[in-house]
């Protein structure tokens, strides 16, 4: 009888311990970098830009063996525009008032999914105007250094650790003001 009672006690405490009660979400070990690119005096995000991660020499960073991101293995780290979804999770036009942003914190900005261990402070963001006049002007290329504060760390104790060290809501979009190229 003692053995049964001991087994019950051990089982009960094991089942209620944190080892067995860990919650996960679809974004474990994932962070996002968010870029808000606009002109001086205009809050509208500039469309059709090529935004990439570059190293200290200005070379594009390639995601070799998913080292920097869980998606786009062995490809360039390229930002994409956020998008809206309808109630059935189908993409809709960003102008659709019924749609909800796929990543609400990113609004209509550009974003890139990276791993939580991404060392933002050794990289920069390169912003290039690839369509010239179609987005309202030919903008100068800019290279902006990153910092860990620019990362949105999702579903992680790292987010709590960062909040304890730096205070809440340290993550924020990189705000970039582009200038039109003068001829």
N, C-alpha and C. Protein backbone atom coordinates (compact mmCIF):
# COMPACT_ATOMS: atom_id res chain seq x y z
N UNK A 1 0.82 -1.19 0.00
CA UNK A 1 0.00 0.00 0.00
C UNK A 1 0.87 1.26 0.00
N UNK A 2 1.96 1.21 0.79
CA UNK A 2 2.86 2.37 0.83
C UNK A 2 3.46 2.66 -0.55
N UNK A 3 3.76 1.60 -1.26
CA UNK A 3 4.33 1.74 -2.59
C UNK A 3 3.35 2.43 -3.54
N UNK A 4 2.09 2.07 -3.48
CA UNK A 4 1.05 2.68 -4.32
C UNK A 4 0.91 4.15 -3.94
N UNK A 5 0.87 4.43 -2.65
CA UNK A 5 0.75 5.81 -2.18
C UNK A 5 1.96 6.64 -2.62
N UNK A 6 3.16 6.11 -2.49
CA UNK A 6 4.37 6.79 -2.92
C UNK A 6 4.35 7.04 -4.42
N UNK A 7 3.92 6.04 -5.18
CA UNK A 7 3.81 6.19 -6.64
C UNK A 7 2.84 7.32 -6.98
N UNK A 8 1.70 7.37 -6.31
CA UNK A 8 0.70 8.40 -6.55
C UNK A 8 1.27 9.79 -6.26
N UNK A 9 1.95 9.94 -5.15
CA UNK A 9 2.53 11.23 -4.78
C UNK A 9 3.57 11.68 -5.82
N UNK A 10 4.47 10.77 -6.19
CA UNK A 10 5.50 11.10 -7.17
C UNK A 10 4.84 11.47 -8.51
N UNK A 11 3.87 10.69 -8.94
CA UNK A 11 3.19 10.96 -10.21
C UNK A 11 2.47 12.30 -10.17
N UNK A 12 1.78 12.59 -9.09
CA UNK A 12 1.01 13.82 -8.96
C UNK A 12 1.93 15.04 -9.06
N UNK A 13 3.02 15.04 -8.32
CA UNK A 13 3.91 16.19 -8.34
C UNK A 13 4.68 16.29 -9.66
N UNK A 14 4.98 15.17 -10.27
CA UNK A 14 5.66 15.20 -11.57
C UNK A 14 4.74 15.78 -12.63
N UNK A 15 3.49 15.39 -12.61
CA UNK A 15 2.53 15.86 -13.61
C UNK A 15 2.25 17.34 -13.47
N UNK A 16 2.37 17.87 -12.28
CA UNK A 16 2.10 19.29 -12.06
C UNK A 16 3.35 20.15 -12.06
N UNK A 17 4.49 19.54 -12.26
CA UNK A 17 5.72 20.33 -12.28
C UNK A 17 5.83 21.08 -13.60
N UNK A 18 6.72 22.04 -13.65
CA UNK A 18 6.90 22.84 -14.86
C UNK A 18 7.51 22.03 -15.99
N UNK A 19 8.16 20.95 -15.67
CA UNK A 19 8.74 20.11 -16.72
C UNK A 19 7.65 19.60 -17.65
N UNK A 20 6.50 19.23 -17.07
CA UNK A 20 5.41 18.68 -17.87
C UNK A 20 4.39 19.74 -18.26
N UNK A 21 4.51 20.93 -17.76
CA UNK A 21 3.50 21.96 -17.98
C UNK A 21 4.06 23.13 -18.78
N UNK A 22 4.89 22.88 -19.75
CA UNK A 22 5.48 23.92 -20.55
C UNK A 22 4.54 24.25 -21.70
N UNK A 23 4.26 25.54 -21.87
CA UNK A 23 3.41 25.96 -22.98
C UNK A 23 4.29 26.47 -24.11
N UNK A 24 3.88 26.17 -25.33
CA UNK A 24 4.61 26.62 -26.50
C UNK A 24 3.65 27.34 -27.42
N UNK A 25 4.20 28.18 -28.26
CA UNK A 25 3.40 28.82 -29.29
C UNK A 25 4.11 28.63 -30.62
N UNK A 26 3.45 29.02 -31.69
CA UNK A 26 4.00 28.82 -33.02
C UNK A 26 5.21 29.67 -33.32
N UNK A 27 5.53 30.60 -32.44
CA UNK A 27 6.65 31.51 -32.68
C UNK A 27 7.82 31.28 -31.73
N UNK A 28 7.87 30.14 -31.06
CA UNK A 28 8.99 29.85 -30.18
C UNK A 28 10.30 30.00 -30.94
N UNK A 29 11.27 30.61 -30.29
CA UNK A 29 12.62 30.79 -30.81
C UNK A 29 12.66 31.71 -32.04
N UNK A 30 11.62 32.53 -32.22
CA UNK A 30 11.54 33.41 -33.37
C UNK A 30 11.43 34.85 -32.92
N UNK A 31 12.08 35.73 -33.67
CA UNK A 31 11.98 37.16 -33.47
C UNK A 31 11.69 37.82 -34.81
N UNK A 32 11.28 39.07 -34.76
CA UNK A 32 11.05 39.81 -35.99
C UNK A 32 11.79 41.13 -35.94
N UNK A 33 12.33 41.50 -37.09
CA UNK A 33 12.87 42.84 -37.30
C UNK A 33 11.84 43.57 -38.14
N UNK A 34 11.53 44.79 -37.76
CA UNK A 34 10.51 45.57 -38.45
C UNK A 34 11.11 46.90 -38.88
N UNK A 35 10.88 47.26 -40.16
CA UNK A 35 11.44 48.49 -40.73
C UNK A 35 10.30 49.39 -41.20
N UNK A 36 10.26 50.60 -40.70
CA UNK A 36 9.31 51.62 -41.13
C UNK A 36 10.08 52.62 -41.99
N UNK A 37 9.81 52.63 -43.30
CA UNK A 37 10.56 53.48 -44.24
C UNK A 37 9.61 54.51 -44.84
N UNK A 38 9.95 55.79 -44.67
CA UNK A 38 9.10 56.86 -45.19
C UNK A 38 9.95 58.08 -45.52
N UNK A 39 9.31 59.07 -46.15
CA UNK A 39 9.99 60.32 -46.44
C UNK A 39 9.82 61.27 -45.27
N UNK A 40 10.68 62.29 -45.18
CA UNK A 40 10.56 63.32 -44.15
C UNK A 40 9.19 64.00 -44.27
N UNK A 41 8.47 64.10 -43.16
CA UNK A 41 7.18 64.77 -43.14
C UNK A 41 6.02 63.93 -43.68
N UNK A 42 6.28 62.68 -44.01
CA UNK A 42 5.23 61.80 -44.54
C UNK A 42 5.27 60.50 -43.74
N UNK A 43 4.14 60.07 -43.22
CA UNK A 43 4.11 58.85 -42.41
C UNK A 43 3.83 57.61 -43.25
N UNK A 44 3.47 57.77 -44.53
CA UNK A 44 3.17 56.62 -45.38
C UNK A 44 4.43 55.84 -45.71
N UNK A 45 4.36 54.54 -45.53
CA UNK A 45 5.48 53.64 -45.81
C UNK A 45 5.76 53.61 -47.31
N UNK A 46 7.02 53.70 -47.71
CA UNK A 46 7.39 53.66 -49.13
C UNK A 46 7.36 52.20 -49.59
N UNK A 47 6.67 51.96 -50.69
CA UNK A 47 6.50 50.61 -51.23
C UNK A 47 7.62 50.27 -52.21
N UNK A 48 7.72 48.98 -52.55
CA UNK A 48 8.61 48.47 -53.59
C UNK A 48 10.09 48.77 -53.33
N UNK A 49 10.50 48.57 -52.10
CA UNK A 49 11.91 48.72 -51.75
C UNK A 49 12.53 47.34 -51.56
N UNK A 50 13.80 47.24 -51.81
CA UNK A 50 14.54 46.01 -51.51
C UNK A 50 15.30 46.28 -50.21
N UNK A 51 14.94 45.54 -49.17
CA UNK A 51 15.56 45.73 -47.86
C UNK A 51 16.20 44.40 -47.47
N UNK A 52 17.50 44.43 -47.26
CA UNK A 52 18.26 43.22 -46.94
C UNK A 52 19.14 43.44 -45.72
N UNK A 53 19.57 42.34 -45.12
CA UNK A 53 20.56 42.38 -44.05
C UNK A 53 21.94 42.30 -44.71
N UNK A 54 22.85 43.17 -44.27
CA UNK A 54 24.21 43.16 -44.79
C UNK A 54 25.20 43.08 -43.63
N UNK A 55 26.40 42.59 -43.95
CA UNK A 55 27.45 42.50 -42.94
C UNK A 55 28.24 43.81 -42.89
N UNK A 56 29.33 43.83 -42.13
CA UNK A 56 30.10 45.07 -41.94
C UNK A 56 30.76 45.57 -43.22
N UNK A 57 30.92 44.70 -44.22
CA UNK A 57 31.51 45.13 -45.48
C UNK A 57 30.45 45.52 -46.50
N UNK A 58 29.16 45.45 -46.12
CA UNK A 58 28.08 45.82 -47.01
C UNK A 58 27.60 44.69 -47.91
N UNK A 59 28.11 43.48 -47.68
CA UNK A 59 27.70 42.32 -48.47
C UNK A 59 26.42 41.71 -47.90
N UNK A 60 25.57 41.23 -48.80
CA UNK A 60 24.33 40.59 -48.37
C UNK A 60 24.63 39.37 -47.51
N UNK A 61 23.84 39.18 -46.47
CA UNK A 61 23.99 38.04 -45.58
C UNK A 61 23.11 36.91 -46.11
N UNK A 62 23.71 35.73 -46.26
CA UNK A 62 23.00 34.55 -46.73
C UNK A 62 22.68 33.68 -45.51
N UNK A 63 21.48 33.17 -45.46
CA UNK A 63 20.99 32.35 -44.35
C UNK A 63 21.46 30.90 -44.51
N UNK A 64 22.74 30.66 -44.40
CA UNK A 64 23.30 29.33 -44.61
C UNK A 64 22.87 28.38 -43.49
N UNK A 65 22.27 27.27 -43.89
CA UNK A 65 21.79 26.23 -42.97
C UNK A 65 20.87 26.79 -41.87
N UNK A 66 20.04 27.75 -42.23
CA UNK A 66 19.08 28.39 -41.31
C UNK A 66 19.75 28.96 -40.07
N UNK A 67 20.95 29.46 -40.21
CA UNK A 67 21.67 30.02 -39.06
C UNK A 67 20.97 31.26 -38.50
N UNK A 68 20.44 32.11 -39.38
CA UNK A 68 19.88 33.39 -38.93
C UNK A 68 18.36 33.45 -38.96
N UNK A 69 17.73 32.52 -39.66
CA UNK A 69 16.27 32.51 -39.77
C UNK A 69 15.80 31.08 -40.01
N UNK A 70 14.59 30.77 -39.52
CA UNK A 70 14.04 29.43 -39.72
C UNK A 70 13.43 29.26 -41.10
N UNK A 71 13.32 30.34 -41.86
CA UNK A 71 12.75 30.29 -43.21
C UNK A 71 13.80 30.73 -44.23
N UNK A 72 13.57 30.40 -45.48
CA UNK A 72 14.44 30.80 -46.59
C UNK A 72 15.88 30.33 -46.40
N UNK A 73 16.02 29.04 -46.18
CA UNK A 73 17.34 28.43 -46.01
C UNK A 73 18.22 28.69 -47.24
N UNK A 74 19.46 29.05 -46.97
CA UNK A 74 20.48 29.30 -48.01
C UNK A 74 20.09 30.41 -48.98
N UNK A 75 19.27 31.35 -48.52
CA UNK A 75 18.88 32.50 -49.34
C UNK A 75 19.26 33.78 -48.61
N UNK A 76 19.22 34.85 -49.36
CA UNK A 76 19.48 36.19 -48.82
C UNK A 76 18.43 36.54 -47.77
N UNK A 77 18.84 37.24 -46.70
CA UNK A 77 17.89 37.70 -45.68
C UNK A 77 17.21 38.95 -46.21
N UNK A 78 15.99 38.77 -46.71
CA UNK A 78 15.24 39.81 -47.42
C UNK A 78 13.95 40.12 -46.68
N UNK A 79 13.71 41.39 -46.40
CA UNK A 79 12.48 41.82 -45.75
C UNK A 79 11.32 41.76 -46.74
N UNK A 80 10.11 41.50 -46.23
CA UNK A 80 8.91 41.51 -47.05
C UNK A 80 7.88 42.43 -46.40
N UNK A 81 6.97 42.98 -47.19
CA UNK A 81 5.93 43.82 -46.59
C UNK A 81 4.95 42.96 -45.79
N UNK A 82 4.47 43.51 -44.69
CA UNK A 82 3.42 42.86 -43.92
C UNK A 82 2.16 42.85 -44.80
N UNK A 83 1.20 41.99 -44.48
CA UNK A 83 -0.01 41.89 -45.30
C UNK A 83 -1.20 41.62 -44.41
N UNK A 84 -2.40 41.81 -44.98
CA UNK A 84 -3.64 41.60 -44.25
C UNK A 84 -4.29 40.28 -44.65
N UNK A 85 -5.06 39.74 -43.68
CA UNK A 85 -5.81 38.51 -43.88
C UNK A 85 -7.28 38.76 -43.57
N UNK A 86 -8.17 38.03 -44.27
CA UNK A 86 -9.59 38.11 -43.94
C UNK A 86 -9.92 37.09 -42.86
N UNK A 87 -11.19 36.92 -42.56
CA UNK A 87 -11.62 36.00 -41.50
C UNK A 87 -11.27 34.55 -41.79
N UNK A 88 -11.08 34.22 -43.08
CA UNK A 88 -10.74 32.85 -43.47
C UNK A 88 -9.24 32.67 -43.68
N UNK A 89 -8.45 33.63 -43.22
CA UNK A 89 -6.99 33.60 -43.35
C UNK A 89 -6.50 33.63 -44.79
N UNK A 90 -7.27 34.29 -45.66
CA UNK A 90 -6.84 34.51 -47.04
C UNK A 90 -6.28 35.92 -47.14
N UNK A 91 -5.22 36.09 -47.94
CA UNK A 91 -4.65 37.42 -48.13
C UNK A 91 -5.66 38.33 -48.81
N UNK A 92 -5.72 39.57 -48.32
CA UNK A 92 -6.56 40.60 -48.93
C UNK A 92 -5.71 41.84 -49.13
N UNK A 93 -6.23 42.79 -49.89
CA UNK A 93 -5.52 44.04 -50.12
C UNK A 93 -5.30 44.77 -48.79
N UNK A 94 -4.18 45.43 -48.66
CA UNK A 94 -3.89 46.17 -47.42
C UNK A 94 -4.87 47.30 -47.18
N UNK A 95 -5.53 47.77 -48.24
CA UNK A 95 -6.51 48.84 -48.09
C UNK A 95 -7.85 48.32 -47.57
N UNK A 96 -8.04 47.00 -47.50
CA UNK A 96 -9.29 46.40 -47.04
C UNK A 96 -9.47 46.67 -45.55
N UNK A 97 -10.53 47.43 -45.16
CA UNK A 97 -10.73 47.75 -43.74
C UNK A 97 -11.14 46.54 -42.90
N UNK A 98 -11.66 45.49 -43.54
CA UNK A 98 -12.06 44.28 -42.82
C UNK A 98 -10.87 43.38 -42.49
N UNK A 99 -9.77 43.54 -43.23
CA UNK A 99 -8.61 42.69 -43.02
C UNK A 99 -7.86 43.04 -41.75
N UNK A 100 -7.20 42.04 -41.21
CA UNK A 100 -6.35 42.23 -40.02
C UNK A 100 -4.91 41.96 -40.42
N UNK A 101 -3.97 42.75 -39.89
CA UNK A 101 -2.57 42.54 -40.21
C UNK A 101 -2.11 41.17 -39.73
N UNK A 102 -1.35 40.48 -40.56
CA UNK A 102 -0.82 39.17 -40.19
C UNK A 102 0.05 39.28 -38.95
N UNK A 103 0.91 40.29 -38.91
CA UNK A 103 1.70 40.61 -37.72
C UNK A 103 1.26 42.00 -37.27
N UNK A 104 0.34 42.09 -36.30
CA UNK A 104 -0.27 43.37 -35.93
C UNK A 104 0.72 44.45 -35.51
N UNK A 105 1.82 44.07 -34.87
CA UNK A 105 2.77 45.08 -34.41
C UNK A 105 3.55 45.71 -35.56
N UNK A 106 3.48 45.13 -36.75
CA UNK A 106 4.25 45.62 -37.88
C UNK A 106 3.45 46.51 -38.82
N UNK A 107 2.16 46.67 -38.61
CA UNK A 107 1.30 47.50 -39.46
C UNK A 107 1.61 47.24 -40.92
N UNK A 108 1.85 48.32 -41.70
CA UNK A 108 2.16 48.13 -43.13
C UNK A 108 3.66 48.23 -43.39
N UNK A 109 4.46 47.95 -42.39
CA UNK A 109 5.91 48.05 -42.51
C UNK A 109 6.50 46.79 -43.14
N UNK A 110 7.81 46.79 -43.32
CA UNK A 110 8.54 45.63 -43.80
C UNK A 110 8.99 44.80 -42.60
N UNK A 111 9.05 43.48 -42.77
CA UNK A 111 9.47 42.64 -41.64
C UNK A 111 10.29 41.46 -42.12
N UNK A 112 11.06 40.92 -41.18
CA UNK A 112 11.90 39.76 -41.45
C UNK A 112 11.91 38.88 -40.20
N UNK A 113 11.64 37.60 -40.39
CA UNK A 113 11.69 36.63 -39.30
C UNK A 113 13.13 36.17 -39.12
N UNK A 114 13.62 36.23 -37.88
CA UNK A 114 14.97 35.78 -37.55
C UNK A 114 14.91 34.91 -36.30
N UNK A 115 15.97 34.18 -36.04
CA UNK A 115 16.05 33.37 -34.82
C UNK A 115 16.34 34.28 -33.63
N UNK A 116 15.97 33.84 -32.44
CA UNK A 116 16.21 34.65 -31.24
C UNK A 116 17.68 34.93 -30.99
N UNK A 117 18.54 34.05 -31.47
CA UNK A 117 19.98 34.23 -31.26
C UNK A 117 20.62 35.13 -32.33
N UNK A 118 19.81 35.75 -33.17
CA UNK A 118 20.31 36.65 -34.20
C UNK A 118 21.07 37.80 -33.53
N UNK A 119 22.30 38.01 -33.91
CA UNK A 119 23.15 39.05 -33.29
C UNK A 119 23.01 40.34 -34.08
N UNK A 120 21.92 41.04 -33.82
CA UNK A 120 21.56 42.23 -34.60
C UNK A 120 22.66 43.28 -34.63
N UNK A 121 23.37 43.44 -33.54
CA UNK A 121 24.35 44.53 -33.46
C UNK A 121 25.59 44.34 -34.33
N UNK A 122 25.74 43.20 -35.00
CA UNK A 122 26.87 43.04 -35.92
C UNK A 122 26.44 43.19 -37.37
N UNK A 123 25.14 43.48 -37.58
CA UNK A 123 24.61 43.62 -38.93
C UNK A 123 23.98 44.98 -39.14
N UNK A 124 23.70 45.26 -40.41
CA UNK A 124 23.00 46.48 -40.80
C UNK A 124 21.89 46.12 -41.77
N UNK A 125 21.04 47.09 -42.04
CA UNK A 125 19.96 46.94 -43.00
C UNK A 125 20.30 47.83 -44.20
N UNK A 126 20.23 47.25 -45.39
CA UNK A 126 20.47 48.01 -46.62
C UNK A 126 19.13 48.22 -47.32
N UNK A 127 18.81 49.47 -47.61
CA UNK A 127 17.53 49.82 -48.22
C UNK A 127 17.80 50.41 -49.60
N UNK A 128 17.23 49.73 -50.63
CA UNK A 128 17.46 50.16 -52.01
C UNK A 128 16.11 50.38 -52.70
N UNK A 129 16.05 51.43 -53.51
CA UNK A 129 14.88 51.69 -54.33
C UNK A 129 15.07 50.95 -55.65
N UNK A 130 14.29 49.89 -55.85
CA UNK A 130 14.49 49.07 -57.04
C UNK A 130 13.53 49.39 -58.18
N UNK A 131 12.48 50.19 -57.91
CA UNK A 131 11.54 50.49 -58.99
C UNK A 131 11.63 51.94 -59.47
N UNK A 132 12.57 52.67 -58.93
CA UNK A 132 12.84 54.07 -59.31
C UNK A 132 11.59 54.94 -59.14
N UNK A 133 11.01 55.45 -60.21
CA UNK A 133 9.91 56.42 -60.14
C UNK A 133 8.56 55.84 -59.74
N UNK A 134 8.38 54.53 -59.82
CA UNK A 134 7.06 53.94 -59.56
C UNK A 134 6.56 54.18 -58.13
N UNK A 135 7.46 54.32 -57.18
CA UNK A 135 7.02 54.55 -55.79
C UNK A 135 7.11 56.02 -55.40
N UNK A 136 7.15 56.90 -56.36
CA UNK A 136 7.11 58.33 -56.07
C UNK A 136 8.45 59.02 -56.18
N UNK A 137 9.48 58.34 -56.53
CA UNK A 137 10.78 58.97 -56.68
C UNK A 137 11.90 57.97 -56.59
N UNK A 138 13.06 58.38 -57.03
CA UNK A 138 14.23 57.52 -56.95
C UNK A 138 14.95 57.88 -55.65
N UNK A 139 14.91 56.96 -54.68
CA UNK A 139 15.46 57.23 -53.36
C UNK A 139 16.89 56.73 -53.25
N UNK A 140 17.66 57.45 -52.46
CA UNK A 140 19.05 57.08 -52.23
C UNK A 140 19.12 55.78 -51.41
N UNK A 141 20.13 54.96 -51.70
CA UNK A 141 20.37 53.75 -50.92
C UNK A 141 20.91 54.15 -49.55
N UNK A 142 20.41 53.49 -48.51
CA UNK A 142 20.89 53.76 -47.16
C UNK A 142 21.25 52.45 -46.47
N UNK A 143 22.25 52.53 -45.62
CA UNK A 143 22.63 51.40 -44.76
C UNK A 143 22.50 51.87 -43.32
N UNK A 144 21.67 51.16 -42.56
CA UNK A 144 21.33 51.53 -41.18
C UNK A 144 21.79 50.42 -40.25
N UNK A 145 22.60 50.74 -39.22
CA UNK A 145 23.01 49.69 -38.26
C UNK A 145 21.82 49.22 -37.42
N UNK A 146 21.85 47.96 -37.05
CA UNK A 146 20.81 47.38 -36.20
C UNK A 146 21.28 47.30 -34.75
N UNK A 147 20.32 47.12 -33.85
CA UNK A 147 20.63 46.87 -32.44
C UNK A 147 19.65 45.84 -31.93
N UNK A 148 19.96 45.19 -30.81
CA UNK A 148 19.04 44.20 -30.25
C UNK A 148 17.67 44.79 -29.90
N UNK A 149 17.60 46.10 -29.67
CA UNK A 149 16.34 46.74 -29.34
C UNK A 149 15.35 46.70 -30.50
N UNK A 150 15.85 46.47 -31.71
CA UNK A 150 15.00 46.44 -32.89
C UNK A 150 14.28 45.11 -33.06
N UNK A 151 14.64 44.11 -32.28
CA UNK A 151 14.05 42.77 -32.44
C UNK A 151 12.80 42.61 -31.57
N UNK A 152 11.74 42.11 -32.18
CA UNK A 152 10.55 41.71 -31.45
C UNK A 152 10.72 40.24 -31.12
N UNK A 153 11.02 39.92 -29.87
CA UNK A 153 11.24 38.54 -29.45
C UNK A 153 9.89 37.97 -29.04
N UNK A 154 9.47 36.90 -29.70
CA UNK A 154 8.13 36.34 -29.49
C UNK A 154 8.19 35.07 -28.66
N UNK A 155 7.20 34.89 -27.78
CA UNK A 155 6.97 33.63 -27.04
C UNK A 155 8.23 33.09 -26.39
N UNK A 156 8.91 33.90 -25.62
CA UNK A 156 10.19 33.43 -25.09
C UNK A 156 10.47 34.05 -23.74
N UNK A 157 11.23 33.34 -22.95
CA UNK A 157 11.70 33.91 -21.70
C UNK A 157 12.72 35.01 -21.97
N UNK A 158 13.29 35.01 -23.18
CA UNK A 158 14.23 36.08 -23.56
C UNK A 158 13.52 37.43 -23.54
N UNK A 159 12.25 37.46 -23.93
CA UNK A 159 11.48 38.69 -23.90
C UNK A 159 11.35 39.20 -22.47
N UNK A 160 11.10 38.29 -21.53
CA UNK A 160 11.01 38.67 -20.12
C UNK A 160 12.37 39.13 -19.60
N UNK A 161 13.43 38.45 -19.98
CA UNK A 161 14.77 38.82 -19.54
C UNK A 161 15.14 40.21 -20.06
N UNK A 162 14.79 40.48 -21.31
CA UNK A 162 15.08 41.79 -21.89
C UNK A 162 14.28 42.88 -21.17
N UNK A 163 13.01 42.60 -20.84
CA UNK A 163 12.18 43.57 -20.13
C UNK A 163 12.76 43.87 -18.75
N UNK A 164 13.31 42.86 -18.07
CA UNK A 164 13.90 43.08 -16.76
C UNK A 164 15.16 43.92 -16.87
N UNK A 165 15.94 43.70 -17.93
CA UNK A 165 17.21 44.42 -18.08
C UNK A 165 17.01 45.85 -18.59
N UNK A 166 16.13 46.04 -19.55
CA UNK A 166 16.00 47.34 -20.20
C UNK A 166 14.65 48.01 -19.97
N UNK A 167 13.70 47.35 -19.34
CA UNK A 167 12.37 47.89 -19.17
C UNK A 167 11.44 47.34 -20.25
N UNK A 168 10.14 47.48 -20.05
CA UNK A 168 9.19 46.92 -21.01
C UNK A 168 9.22 47.67 -22.34
N UNK A 169 8.81 46.97 -23.39
CA UNK A 169 8.67 47.51 -24.74
C UNK A 169 9.94 48.15 -25.28
N UNK A 170 11.04 47.46 -25.14
CA UNK A 170 12.29 47.98 -25.70
C UNK A 170 12.35 47.73 -27.20
N UNK A 171 11.62 46.73 -27.66
CA UNK A 171 11.66 46.44 -29.09
C UNK A 171 10.82 47.47 -29.83
N UNK A 172 11.34 47.92 -30.95
CA UNK A 172 10.63 48.92 -31.73
C UNK A 172 11.09 48.83 -33.18
N UNK A 173 10.23 49.29 -34.10
CA UNK A 173 10.64 49.27 -35.50
C UNK A 173 11.83 50.20 -35.74
N UNK A 174 12.60 49.85 -36.75
CA UNK A 174 13.67 50.74 -37.19
C UNK A 174 12.99 51.81 -38.04
N UNK A 175 13.11 53.05 -37.63
CA UNK A 175 12.48 54.16 -38.35
C UNK A 175 13.51 54.77 -39.29
N UNK A 176 13.23 54.71 -40.59
CA UNK A 176 14.18 55.18 -41.61
C UNK A 176 13.49 56.25 -42.46
N UNK A 177 14.16 57.38 -42.59
CA UNK A 177 13.68 58.45 -43.46
C UNK A 177 14.55 58.45 -44.71
N UNK A 178 13.93 58.13 -45.86
CA UNK A 178 14.67 58.11 -47.13
C UNK A 178 14.63 59.48 -47.78
N UNK A 179 15.72 59.77 -48.49
CA UNK A 179 15.81 61.03 -49.24
C UNK A 179 15.78 60.69 -50.72
N UNK A 180 15.10 61.54 -51.49
CA UNK A 180 15.09 61.35 -52.94
C UNK A 180 16.46 61.71 -53.48
N UNK A 181 16.89 60.93 -54.45
CA UNK A 181 18.19 61.16 -55.05
C UNK A 181 18.13 62.42 -55.90
N UNK A 182 19.12 63.27 -55.73
CA UNK A 182 19.18 64.49 -56.55
C UNK A 182 20.05 64.21 -57.76
N UNK A 183 19.61 64.70 -58.87
CA UNK A 183 20.33 64.45 -60.14
C UNK A 183 21.23 65.59 -60.49
